[in-house]
Amino acid sequence: MLRKNKIIYTSGTFDMFHSNHLKMIKYARGLGETLIVGVSSDELVCSYKKAPIIPFEERLAIVDALKYPDVVIPQRSLDHSLLVKKLNIDAFVVGDDWEGKYDYLRELGVEVFYFPYGDGVSSSKLKEDIFLKYKELKDISDKHTNPTILKTE
């Protein structure tokens, strides 16, 4: 179990901020005294998946406005080795969709926690739902017959 004087780091894209993001940040907050949250830059995100909907500066501002983080920083790399050393990080929290990817941090003395997102909301799911709802509305609005034109004399 972590002592309360630990420095905790969590990170993510935090696109289309939702309740699972908040739950993970809140969980990380409870693990130590200082919580640093990294927000992935647009360039970093684009290196492994589609571009975020919400621009980087806005995602940074949203996370910074939360009550849980002590510090919010840009994250420009998926390799946290240097960051861990520079910031003296004791524990790292990330969503379980990254299970196993950060185990290498344990070799640096960092405790790694894979937060269980479980079923429910995700940015990818939100984007898909919005797309499908938009497509449905567009299909409905585009399907109409032109009115009969009555000739007036």
N, C-alpha and C. Protein backbone atom coordinates (compact mmCIF):
# COMPACT_ATOMS: atom_id res chain seq x y z
N MET A 1 0.84 -1.20 0.00
CA MET A 1 0.00 0.00 0.00
C MET A 1 0.88 1.25 0.00
N LEU A 2 0.47 2.23 -0.76
CA LEU A 2 1.25 3.46 -0.86
C LEU A 2 1.07 4.33 0.37
N ARG A 3 2.17 4.97 0.75
CA ARG A 3 2.08 5.98 1.82
C ARG A 3 1.51 7.25 1.21
N LYS A 4 1.00 8.12 2.00
CA LYS A 4 0.36 9.34 1.51
C LYS A 4 1.35 10.41 1.03
N ASN A 5 2.65 10.20 1.17
CA ASN A 5 3.61 11.20 0.71
C ASN A 5 4.21 10.84 -0.65
N LYS A 6 3.52 10.10 -1.41
CA LYS A 6 3.99 9.63 -2.72
C LYS A 6 3.57 10.61 -3.83
N ILE A 7 4.38 10.59 -4.89
CA ILE A 7 4.06 11.37 -6.08
C ILE A 7 3.46 10.40 -7.10
N ILE A 8 2.27 10.71 -7.53
CA ILE A 8 1.52 9.85 -8.45
C ILE A 8 1.42 10.55 -9.80
N TYR A 9 1.57 9.76 -10.86
CA TYR A 9 1.42 10.29 -12.22
C TYR A 9 0.37 9.47 -12.95
N THR A 10 -0.53 10.16 -13.60
CA THR A 10 -1.47 9.50 -14.49
C THR A 10 -1.51 10.32 -15.77
N SER A 11 -1.89 9.67 -16.84
CA SER A 11 -1.89 10.39 -18.11
C SER A 11 -2.95 9.83 -19.04
N GLY A 12 -3.24 10.59 -20.07
CA GLY A 12 -4.20 10.14 -21.06
C GLY A 12 -4.42 11.20 -22.11
N THR A 13 -5.23 10.84 -23.08
CA THR A 13 -5.61 11.79 -24.12
C THR A 13 -6.68 12.73 -23.57
N PHE A 14 -7.62 12.16 -22.82
CA PHE A 14 -8.72 12.91 -22.21
C PHE A 14 -9.54 13.66 -23.26
N ASP A 15 -9.75 12.99 -24.41
CA ASP A 15 -10.58 13.55 -25.47
C ASP A 15 -12.04 13.34 -25.09
N MET A 16 -12.86 14.32 -25.35
CA MET A 16 -14.28 14.23 -25.02
C MET A 16 -14.42 13.74 -23.57
N PHE A 17 -13.90 14.53 -22.65
CA PHE A 17 -13.78 14.17 -21.24
C PHE A 17 -15.08 13.58 -20.70
N HIS A 18 -14.97 12.43 -20.03
CA HIS A 18 -16.15 11.72 -19.55
C HIS A 18 -15.90 11.12 -18.16
N SER A 19 -16.91 10.45 -17.63
CA SER A 19 -16.87 9.97 -16.25
C SER A 19 -15.75 8.97 -15.97
N ASN A 20 -15.38 8.12 -16.94
CA ASN A 20 -14.28 7.19 -16.69
C ASN A 20 -12.95 7.92 -16.56
N HIS A 21 -12.76 9.01 -17.30
CA HIS A 21 -11.57 9.83 -17.11
C HIS A 21 -11.53 10.35 -15.69
N LEU A 22 -12.66 10.90 -15.26
CA LEU A 22 -12.74 11.47 -13.92
C LEU A 22 -12.49 10.41 -12.84
N LYS A 23 -13.06 9.24 -13.01
CA LYS A 23 -12.87 8.16 -12.03
C LYS A 23 -11.40 7.76 -11.92
N MET A 24 -10.71 7.68 -13.05
CA MET A 24 -9.29 7.30 -13.01
C MET A 24 -8.45 8.38 -12.32
N ILE A 25 -8.71 9.64 -12.63
CA ILE A 25 -7.96 10.73 -12.00
C ILE A 25 -8.25 10.77 -10.50
N LYS A 26 -9.50 10.57 -10.13
CA LYS A 26 -9.87 10.55 -8.71
C LYS A 26 -9.19 9.38 -7.99
N TYR A 27 -9.17 8.22 -8.61
CA TYR A 27 -8.49 7.05 -8.04
C TYR A 27 -7.00 7.36 -7.84
N ALA A 28 -6.36 7.94 -8.85
CA ALA A 28 -4.95 8.29 -8.75
C ALA A 28 -4.71 9.28 -7.62
N ARG A 29 -5.60 10.23 -7.47
CA ARG A 29 -5.49 11.23 -6.40
C ARG A 29 -5.43 10.56 -5.02
N GLY A 30 -6.18 9.50 -4.85
CA GLY A 30 -6.24 8.81 -3.56
C GLY A 30 -5.00 7.98 -3.23
N LEU A 31 -4.09 7.81 -4.17
CA LEU A 31 -2.92 6.98 -3.94
C LEU A 31 -1.73 7.71 -3.34
N GLY A 32 -1.77 9.03 -3.32
CA GLY A 32 -0.61 9.75 -2.82
C GLY A 32 -0.91 11.19 -2.51
N GLU A 33 0.15 11.90 -2.17
CA GLU A 33 0.02 13.29 -1.75
C GLU A 33 0.00 14.26 -2.94
N THR A 34 0.80 13.97 -3.93
CA THR A 34 0.91 14.86 -5.09
C THR A 34 0.47 14.11 -6.34
N LEU A 35 -0.46 14.69 -7.07
CA LEU A 35 -0.93 14.08 -8.31
C LEU A 35 -0.54 14.96 -9.50
N ILE A 36 0.24 14.37 -10.39
CA ILE A 36 0.61 15.01 -11.65
C ILE A 36 -0.16 14.30 -12.76
N VAL A 37 -0.84 15.08 -13.59
CA VAL A 37 -1.61 14.51 -14.70
C VAL A 37 -1.00 14.98 -16.02
N GLY A 38 -0.64 14.02 -16.86
CA GLY A 38 -0.13 14.33 -18.19
C GLY A 38 -1.24 14.24 -19.20
N VAL A 39 -1.32 15.24 -20.07
CA VAL A 39 -2.30 15.26 -21.16
C VAL A 39 -1.54 15.09 -22.46
N SER A 40 -1.87 14.05 -23.19
CA SER A 40 -1.16 13.73 -24.44
C SER A 40 -1.36 14.82 -25.48
N SER A 41 -0.25 15.24 -26.08
CA SER A 41 -0.31 16.25 -27.14
C SER A 41 -1.00 15.64 -28.37
N ASP A 42 -1.51 16.51 -29.23
CA ASP A 42 -2.14 16.05 -30.46
C ASP A 42 -1.16 15.23 -31.30
N GLU A 43 0.09 15.67 -31.36
CA GLU A 43 1.11 14.97 -32.15
C GLU A 43 1.33 13.56 -31.61
N LEU A 44 1.39 13.43 -30.29
CA LEU A 44 1.58 12.12 -29.69
C LEU A 44 0.40 11.21 -30.01
N VAL A 45 -0.79 11.69 -29.81
CA VAL A 45 -1.99 10.88 -30.06
C VAL A 45 -2.02 10.43 -31.53
N CYS A 46 -1.72 11.34 -32.43
CA CYS A 46 -1.75 11.01 -33.87
C CYS A 46 -0.69 9.99 -34.26
N SER A 47 0.28 9.74 -33.39
CA SER A 47 1.32 8.76 -33.70
C SER A 47 0.82 7.33 -33.54
N TYR A 48 -0.33 7.14 -32.86
CA TYR A 48 -0.83 5.77 -32.66
C TYR A 48 -2.33 5.60 -32.86
N LYS A 49 -3.07 6.71 -33.03
CA LYS A 49 -4.50 6.58 -33.34
C LYS A 49 -4.97 7.86 -34.00
N LYS A 50 -6.27 7.92 -34.32
CA LYS A 50 -6.82 9.10 -34.97
C LYS A 50 -6.73 10.32 -34.06
N ALA A 51 -6.70 11.48 -34.69
CA ALA A 51 -6.57 12.75 -33.97
C ALA A 51 -7.73 12.95 -33.00
N PRO A 52 -7.45 13.57 -31.86
CA PRO A 52 -8.53 13.88 -30.92
C PRO A 52 -9.51 14.88 -31.52
N ILE A 53 -10.73 14.84 -31.04
CA ILE A 53 -11.75 15.81 -31.45
C ILE A 53 -11.49 17.15 -30.77
N ILE A 54 -11.18 17.10 -29.49
CA ILE A 54 -10.95 18.30 -28.69
C ILE A 54 -9.46 18.67 -28.81
N PRO A 55 -9.14 19.91 -29.20
CA PRO A 55 -7.74 20.31 -29.34
C PRO A 55 -6.97 20.23 -28.02
N PHE A 56 -5.66 20.03 -28.14
CA PHE A 56 -4.78 19.84 -26.99
C PHE A 56 -4.95 20.91 -25.92
N GLU A 57 -4.89 22.18 -26.28
CA GLU A 57 -4.96 23.26 -25.29
C GLU A 57 -6.28 23.22 -24.51
N GLU A 58 -7.35 22.84 -25.17
CA GLU A 58 -8.64 22.73 -24.48
C GLU A 58 -8.66 21.53 -23.54
N ARG A 59 -8.10 20.39 -23.98
CA ARG A 59 -8.04 19.21 -23.11
C ARG A 59 -7.18 19.50 -21.89
N LEU A 60 -6.09 20.21 -22.09
CA LEU A 60 -5.21 20.60 -20.99
C LEU A 60 -5.97 21.48 -19.99
N ALA A 61 -6.72 22.46 -20.50
CA ALA A 61 -7.48 23.38 -19.64
C ALA A 61 -8.58 22.64 -18.87
N ILE A 62 -9.24 21.69 -19.52
CA ILE A 62 -10.30 20.92 -18.85
C ILE A 62 -9.72 20.14 -17.67
N VAL A 63 -8.63 19.42 -17.90
CA VAL A 63 -8.01 18.63 -16.83
C VAL A 63 -7.47 19.54 -15.74
N ASP A 64 -6.89 20.67 -16.13
CA ASP A 64 -6.34 21.62 -15.16
C ASP A 64 -7.43 22.22 -14.26
N ALA A 65 -8.65 22.29 -14.76
CA ALA A 65 -9.75 22.87 -13.99
C ALA A 65 -10.31 21.91 -12.93
N LEU A 66 -9.92 20.65 -12.99
CA LEU A 66 -10.40 19.67 -12.02
C LEU A 66 -9.78 19.91 -10.65
N LYS A 67 -10.47 19.46 -9.61
CA LYS A 67 -9.94 19.66 -8.26
C LYS A 67 -8.88 18.65 -7.86
N TYR A 68 -8.76 17.53 -8.55
CA TYR A 68 -7.86 16.47 -8.12
C TYR A 68 -6.38 16.67 -8.46
N PRO A 69 -6.03 17.13 -9.66
CA PRO A 69 -4.60 17.27 -9.98
C PRO A 69 -3.93 18.42 -9.23
N ASP A 70 -2.68 18.21 -8.84
CA ASP A 70 -1.87 19.30 -8.29
C ASP A 70 -1.15 20.01 -9.43
N VAL A 71 -0.74 19.24 -10.43
CA VAL A 71 -0.02 19.77 -11.57
C VAL A 71 -0.53 19.06 -12.83
N VAL A 72 -0.70 19.82 -13.90
CA VAL A 72 -1.10 19.25 -15.20
C VAL A 72 -0.02 19.64 -16.20
N ILE A 73 0.51 18.63 -16.91
CA ILE A 73 1.61 18.88 -17.83
C ILE A 73 1.33 18.25 -19.19
N PRO A 74 1.97 18.76 -20.24
CA PRO A 74 1.86 18.10 -21.54
C PRO A 74 2.61 16.78 -21.51
N GLN A 75 2.07 15.80 -22.20
CA GLN A 75 2.75 14.52 -22.36
C GLN A 75 3.07 14.38 -23.84
N ARG A 76 4.35 14.24 -24.15
CA ARG A 76 4.78 14.22 -25.54
C ARG A 76 5.38 12.89 -25.97
N SER A 77 5.43 11.93 -25.05
CA SER A 77 6.01 10.62 -25.35
C SER A 77 5.27 9.54 -24.58
N LEU A 78 5.19 8.36 -25.17
CA LEU A 78 4.60 7.22 -24.45
C LEU A 78 5.63 6.55 -23.53
N ASP A 79 6.89 6.86 -23.71
CA ASP A 79 7.94 6.34 -22.84
C ASP A 79 8.08 7.29 -21.66
N HIS A 80 7.75 6.80 -20.48
CA HIS A 80 7.75 7.64 -19.29
C HIS A 80 9.03 7.52 -18.46
N SER A 81 10.03 6.84 -18.95
CA SER A 81 11.26 6.61 -18.19
C SER A 81 11.91 7.91 -17.72
N LEU A 82 12.12 8.85 -18.62
CA LEU A 82 12.76 10.11 -18.27
C LEU A 82 11.88 10.93 -17.34
N LEU A 83 10.60 10.96 -17.61
CA LEU A 83 9.65 11.70 -16.78
C LEU A 83 9.66 11.18 -15.34
N VAL A 84 9.66 9.88 -15.19
CA VAL A 84 9.67 9.25 -13.87
C VAL A 84 10.90 9.69 -13.09
N LYS A 85 12.03 9.74 -13.76
CA LYS A 85 13.28 10.14 -13.09
C LYS A 85 13.28 11.63 -12.77
N LYS A 86 12.86 12.46 -13.73
CA LYS A 86 12.87 13.91 -13.54
C LYS A 86 11.92 14.36 -12.43
N LEU A 87 10.76 13.73 -12.35
CA LEU A 87 9.73 14.17 -11.41
C LEU A 87 9.66 13.31 -10.15
N ASN A 88 10.55 12.32 -10.04
CA ASN A 88 10.61 11.46 -8.85
C ASN A 88 9.26 10.77 -8.58
N ILE A 89 8.69 10.22 -9.63
CA ILE A 89 7.37 9.61 -9.55
C ILE A 89 7.45 8.24 -8.86
N ASP A 90 6.51 8.01 -7.94
CA ASP A 90 6.46 6.75 -7.19
C ASP A 90 5.48 5.75 -7.78
N ALA A 91 4.41 6.26 -8.41
CA ALA A 91 3.37 5.36 -8.95
C ALA A 91 2.77 5.97 -10.20
N PHE A 92 2.37 5.08 -11.10
CA PHE A 92 1.76 5.48 -12.36
C PHE A 92 0.42 4.77 -12.50
N VAL A 93 -0.61 5.53 -12.90
CA VAL A 93 -1.95 4.99 -13.09
C VAL A 93 -2.36 5.25 -14.54
N VAL A 94 -2.86 4.20 -15.19
CA VAL A 94 -3.31 4.31 -16.56
C VAL A 94 -4.48 3.35 -16.77
N GLY A 95 -5.31 3.61 -17.74
CA GLY A 95 -6.45 2.74 -18.02
C GLY A 95 -6.02 1.33 -18.40
N ASP A 96 -6.86 0.37 -18.06
CA ASP A 96 -6.50 -1.03 -18.30
C ASP A 96 -6.50 -1.42 -19.78
N ASP A 97 -6.88 -0.48 -20.65
CA ASP A 97 -6.73 -0.74 -22.07
C ASP A 97 -5.25 -0.70 -22.48
N TRP A 98 -4.38 -0.28 -21.57
CA TRP A 98 -2.92 -0.27 -21.76
C TRP A 98 -2.25 -1.39 -20.96
N GLU A 99 -3.03 -2.33 -20.49
CA GLU A 99 -2.53 -3.44 -19.65
C GLU A 99 -1.20 -4.00 -20.17
N GLY A 100 -0.20 -4.01 -19.29
CA GLY A 100 1.11 -4.58 -19.60
C GLY A 100 2.09 -3.64 -20.28
N LYS A 101 1.59 -2.58 -20.91
CA LYS A 101 2.46 -1.69 -21.69
C LYS A 101 3.43 -0.87 -20.84
N TYR A 102 3.10 -0.67 -19.58
CA TYR A 102 3.95 0.15 -18.71
C TYR A 102 4.63 -0.64 -17.60
N ASP A 103 4.64 -1.94 -17.73
CA ASP A 103 5.30 -2.78 -16.73
C ASP A 103 6.79 -2.45 -16.61
N TYR A 104 7.41 -1.94 -17.68
CA TYR A 104 8.84 -1.59 -17.64
C TYR A 104 9.15 -0.55 -16.57
N LEU A 105 8.14 0.24 -16.16
CA LEU A 105 8.37 1.25 -15.13
C LEU A 105 8.67 0.62 -13.77
N ARG A 106 8.21 -0.60 -13.57
CA ARG A 106 8.48 -1.29 -12.31
C ARG A 106 9.98 -1.49 -12.09
N GLU A 107 10.71 -1.65 -13.19
CA GLU A 107 12.17 -1.78 -13.10
C GLU A 107 12.82 -0.50 -12.58
N LEU A 108 12.11 0.62 -12.68
CA LEU A 108 12.59 1.90 -12.18
C LEU A 108 12.06 2.18 -10.77
N GLY A 109 11.42 1.19 -10.17
CA GLY A 109 10.89 1.34 -8.81
C GLY A 109 9.53 2.00 -8.73
N VAL A 110 8.84 2.07 -9.85
CA VAL A 110 7.52 2.71 -9.90
C VAL A 110 6.43 1.64 -9.79
N GLU A 111 5.46 1.89 -8.93
CA GLU A 111 4.30 1.01 -8.86
C GLU A 111 3.38 1.38 -10.03
N VAL A 112 2.88 0.37 -10.72
CA VAL A 112 2.02 0.61 -11.88
C VAL A 112 0.63 0.04 -11.59
N PHE A 113 -0.36 0.88 -11.80
CA PHE A 113 -1.76 0.50 -11.58
C PHE A 113 -2.52 0.65 -12.89
N TYR A 114 -3.16 -0.43 -13.31
CA TYR A 114 -3.99 -0.39 -14.52
C TYR A 114 -5.44 -0.25 -14.07
N PHE A 115 -5.96 0.96 -14.21
CA PHE A 115 -7.30 1.27 -13.73
C PHE A 115 -8.34 0.60 -14.62
N PRO A 116 -9.25 -0.17 -14.01
CA PRO A 116 -10.26 -0.88 -14.81
C PRO A 116 -11.35 0.05 -15.34
N TYR A 117 -11.25 0.35 -16.62
CA TYR A 117 -12.29 1.15 -17.26
C TYR A 117 -13.60 0.39 -17.28
N GLY A 118 -13.52 -0.90 -17.54
CA GLY A 118 -14.73 -1.70 -17.60
C GLY A 118 -15.60 -1.28 -18.76
N ASP A 119 -16.84 -1.72 -18.72
CA ASP A 119 -17.79 -1.37 -19.76
C ASP A 119 -18.26 0.06 -19.55
N GLY A 120 -18.88 0.58 -20.53
CA GLY A 120 -19.46 1.90 -20.39
C GLY A 120 -18.84 2.90 -21.34
N VAL A 121 -18.69 4.10 -20.85
CA VAL A 121 -18.31 5.22 -21.69
C VAL A 121 -16.82 5.22 -22.00
N SER A 122 -16.52 5.62 -23.23
CA SER A 122 -15.15 5.87 -23.65
C SER A 122 -15.22 6.92 -24.75
N SER A 123 -14.12 7.61 -24.99
CA SER A 123 -14.12 8.62 -26.05
C SER A 123 -14.44 7.98 -27.40
N SER A 124 -13.87 6.81 -27.65
CA SER A 124 -14.14 6.13 -28.93
C SER A 124 -15.61 5.78 -29.06
N LYS A 125 -16.22 5.31 -27.98
CA LYS A 125 -17.64 4.96 -27.99
C LYS A 125 -18.49 6.22 -28.18
N LEU A 126 -18.13 7.30 -27.50
CA LEU A 126 -18.86 8.56 -27.67
C LEU A 126 -18.82 9.03 -29.13
N LYS A 127 -17.64 8.97 -29.74
CA LYS A 127 -17.50 9.38 -31.14
C LYS A 127 -18.37 8.52 -32.04
N GLU A 128 -18.35 7.22 -31.80
CA GLU A 128 -19.16 6.30 -32.60
C GLU A 128 -20.65 6.60 -32.44
N ASP A 129 -21.10 6.80 -31.19
CA ASP A 129 -22.51 7.10 -30.93
C ASP A 129 -22.94 8.40 -31.62
N ILE A 130 -22.09 9.42 -31.53
CA ILE A 130 -22.40 10.70 -32.16
C ILE A 130 -22.51 10.52 -33.67
N PHE A 131 -21.55 9.79 -34.25
CA PHE A 131 -21.56 9.55 -35.69
C PHE A 131 -22.85 8.83 -36.12
N LEU A 132 -23.19 7.77 -35.40
CA LEU A 132 -24.38 6.99 -35.76
C LEU A 132 -25.66 7.81 -35.62
N LYS A 133 -25.75 8.61 -34.55
CA LYS A 133 -26.94 9.45 -34.36
C LYS A 133 -27.02 10.52 -35.45
N TYR A 134 -25.88 11.10 -35.78
CA TYR A 134 -25.86 12.10 -36.85
C TYR A 134 -26.28 11.47 -38.18
N LYS A 135 -25.73 10.31 -38.48
CA LYS A 135 -26.06 9.62 -39.74
C LYS A 135 -27.55 9.32 -39.81
N GLU A 136 -28.10 8.86 -38.69
CA GLU A 136 -29.54 8.56 -38.64
C GLU A 136 -30.37 9.82 -38.89
N LEU A 137 -30.02 10.92 -38.25
CA LEU A 137 -30.75 12.17 -38.45
C LEU A 137 -30.59 12.68 -39.87
N LYS A 138 -29.38 12.57 -40.41
CA LYS A 138 -29.12 13.01 -41.77
C LYS A 138 -29.92 12.17 -42.77
N ASP A 139 -29.94 10.85 -42.57
CA ASP A 139 -30.70 9.97 -43.46
C ASP A 139 -32.18 10.32 -43.45
N ILE A 140 -32.70 10.60 -42.26
CA ILE A 140 -34.12 10.96 -42.14
C ILE A 140 -34.40 12.27 -42.86
N SER A 141 -33.53 13.27 -42.65
CA SER A 141 -33.78 14.58 -43.25
C SER A 141 -33.56 14.58 -44.76
N ASP A 142 -32.69 13.69 -45.23
CA ASP A 142 -32.41 13.63 -46.67
C ASP A 142 -33.45 12.82 -47.44
N LYS A 143 -34.25 12.02 -46.76
CA LYS A 143 -35.23 11.16 -47.45
C LYS A 143 -36.59 11.85 -47.45
N HIS A 144 -36.83 12.48 -48.55
CA HIS A 144 -38.13 13.12 -48.73
C HIS A 144 -38.45 13.16 -50.22
N THR A 145 -39.69 13.29 -50.48
CA THR A 145 -40.09 13.41 -51.89
C THR A 145 -40.32 14.88 -52.20
N ASN A 146 -40.00 15.22 -53.39
CA ASN A 146 -40.24 16.60 -53.79
C ASN A 146 -41.75 16.79 -53.97
N PRO A 147 -42.23 17.95 -53.57
CA PRO A 147 -43.67 18.18 -53.70
C PRO A 147 -44.09 18.29 -55.16
N THR A 148 -45.33 17.99 -55.38
CA THR A 148 -45.89 18.16 -56.72
C THR A 148 -46.04 19.65 -56.97
N ILE A 149 -45.63 20.04 -58.12
CA ILE A 149 -45.71 21.47 -58.44
C ILE A 149 -47.02 21.68 -59.21
N LEU A 150 -47.84 22.52 -58.65
CA LEU A 150 -49.11 22.83 -59.28
C LEU A 150 -48.92 24.06 -60.17
N LYS A 151 -49.35 23.88 -61.36
CA LYS A 151 -49.21 24.96 -62.32
C LYS A 151 -50.34 25.95 -62.09
N THR A 152 -49.93 27.18 -61.91
CA THR A 152 -50.96 28.20 -61.75
C THR A 152 -51.03 29.03 -63.03
N GLU A 153 -52.27 29.34 -63.44
CA GLU A 153 -52.44 30.09 -64.69
C GLU A 153 -52.94 31.45 -64.42
